[in-house]
Amino acid sequence: MAEIELNVMIGQCLNRRIGCLVEVETAVSAGQTYRDNFEAKIAGQFTTQQAGIKLRRLYPTLEA
């Protein structure tokens, strides 16, 4: 989810050269305010059980 939000922020306000830190802070703040007011949601969340199935090869279970 964090990667999705970072990619949205990059696409909205960080996709150009920015000359100083103050401009970065202003752009990020404006982008965040927009996203907050828009009440953007991330679709595709799943339960822990579903994650265990979908991500089985990445997170193998340890047999005791």
C-alpha atoms as a PDB file:
ATOM      1  CA  MET A   1       0.000   0.000   0.000  1.00  0.00           C
ATOM      2  CA  ALA A   2       2.856   2.360   0.795  1.00  0.00           C
ATOM      3  CA  GLU A   3       4.361   1.773  -2.649  1.00  0.00           C
ATOM      4  CA  ILE A   4       1.041   2.612  -4.295  1.00  0.00           C
ATOM      5  CA  GLU A   5       0.785   5.875  -2.372  1.00  0.00           C
ATOM      6  CA  LEU A   6       4.385   6.798  -3.194  1.00  0.00           C
ATOM      7  CA  ASN A   7       3.783   6.138  -6.882  1.00  0.00           C
ATOM      8  CA  VAL A   8       0.655   8.308  -6.815  1.00  0.00           C
ATOM      9  CA  MET A   9       2.617  11.095  -5.117  1.00  0.00           C
ATOM     10  CA  ILE A  10       5.408  10.827  -7.678  1.00  0.00           C
ATOM     11  CA  GLY A  11       2.907  11.001 -10.517  1.00  0.00           C
ATOM     12  CA  GLN A  12       1.007  13.934  -9.056  1.00  0.00           C
ATOM     13  CA  CYS A  13       3.657  16.249  -7.722  1.00  0.00           C
ATOM     14  CA  LEU A  14       7.188  14.824  -7.758  1.00  0.00           C
ATOM     15  CA  ASN A  15       7.571  14.019 -11.461  1.00  0.00           C
ATOM     16  CA  ARG A  16       9.823  16.998 -12.160  1.00  0.00           C
ATOM     17  CA  ARG A  17      13.074  18.516 -10.978  1.00  0.00           C
ATOM     18  CA  ILE A  18      12.578  20.456  -7.783  1.00  0.00           C
ATOM     19  CA  GLY A  19      15.161  23.050  -6.831  1.00  0.00           C
ATOM     20  CA  CYS A  20      14.999  23.060  -3.047  1.00  0.00           C
ATOM     21  CA  LEU A  21      13.661  21.197  -0.052  1.00  0.00           C
ATOM     22  CA  VAL A  22      11.008  23.827   0.662  1.00  0.00           C
ATOM     23  CA  GLU A  23       9.477  23.220  -2.780  1.00  0.00           C
ATOM     24  CA  VAL A  24       9.462  19.461  -2.149  1.00  0.00           C
ATOM     25  CA  GLU A  25       7.720  19.954   1.191  1.00  0.00           C
ATOM     26  CA  THR A  26       5.148  22.281  -0.408  1.00  0.00           C
ATOM     27  CA  ALA A  27       4.450  19.874  -3.283  1.00  0.00           C
ATOM     28  CA  VAL A  28       4.123  16.852  -1.002  1.00  0.00           C
ATOM     29  CA  SER A  29       1.899  18.750   1.412  1.00  0.00           C
ATOM     30  CA  ALA A  30      -0.386  19.887  -1.415  1.00  0.00           C
ATOM     31  CA  GLY A  31      -0.527  16.357  -2.843  1.00  0.00           C
ATOM     32  CA  GLN A  32      -1.314  14.865   0.551  1.00  0.00           C
ATOM     33  CA  THR A  33      -4.043  17.424   1.202  1.00  0.00           C
ATOM     34  CA  TYR A  34      -5.590  16.593  -2.177  1.00  0.00           C
ATOM     35  CA  ARG A  35      -5.504  12.844  -1.449  1.00  0.00           C
ATOM     36  CA  ASP A  36      -6.962  13.376   2.036  1.00  0.00           C
ATOM     37  CA  ASN A  37      -9.816  15.538   0.721  1.00  0.00           C
ATOM     38  CA  PHE A  38     -10.436  13.080  -2.113  1.00  0.00           C
ATOM     39  CA  GLU A  39     -10.646  10.278   0.492  1.00  0.00           C
ATOM     40  CA  ALA A  40      -8.731   7.984  -1.847  1.00  0.00           C
ATOM     41  CA  LYS A  41      -8.888   4.292  -1.034  1.00  0.00           C
ATOM     42  CA  ILE A  42      -6.701   1.432  -2.162  1.00  0.00           C
ATOM     43  CA  ALA A  43      -8.648  -1.499  -3.592  1.00  0.00           C
ATOM     44  CA  GLY A  44      -7.445  -5.058  -3.507  1.00  0.00           C
ATOM     45  CA  GLN A  45      -6.815  -5.568   0.165  1.00  0.00           C
ATOM     46  CA  PHE A  46      -7.189  -9.116   1.365  1.00  0.00           C
ATOM     47  CA  THR A  47      -7.345 -11.040   4.617  1.00  0.00           C
ATOM     48  CA  THR A  48      -4.409 -12.710   6.334  1.00  0.00           C
ATOM     49  CA  GLN A  49      -5.701 -16.104   5.213  1.00  0.00           C
ATOM     50  CA  GLN A  50      -5.921 -14.930   1.590  1.00  0.00           C
ATOM     51  CA  ALA A  51      -2.422 -13.444   1.870  1.00  0.00           C
ATOM     52  CA  GLY A  52      -1.112 -16.806   3.058  1.00  0.00           C
ATOM     53  CA  ILE A  53      -2.510 -18.418  -0.076  1.00  0.00           C
ATOM     54  CA  LYS A  54      -1.449 -15.714  -2.537  1.00  0.00           C
ATOM     55  CA  LEU A  55       2.013 -15.168  -1.079  1.00  0.00           C
ATOM     56  CA  ARG A  56       2.793 -18.774  -0.105  1.00  0.00           C
ATOM     57  CA  ARG A  57       5.975 -18.958  -2.173  1.00  0.00           C
ATOM     58  CA  LEU A  58       7.280 -15.694  -0.681  1.00  0.00           C
ATOM     59  CA  TYR A  59       6.486 -16.536   2.932  1.00  0.00           C
ATOM     60  CA  PRO A  60       6.780 -20.284   3.449  1.00  0.00           C
ATOM     61  CA  THR A  61       5.460 -21.664   6.718  1.00  0.00           C
ATOM     62  CA  LEU A  62       7.856 -23.344   9.102  1.00  0.00           C
ATOM     63  CA  GLU A  63       6.915 -26.878  10.018  1.00  0.00           C
ATOM     64  CA  ALA A  64       7.580 -27.699  13.687  1.00  0.00           C
END
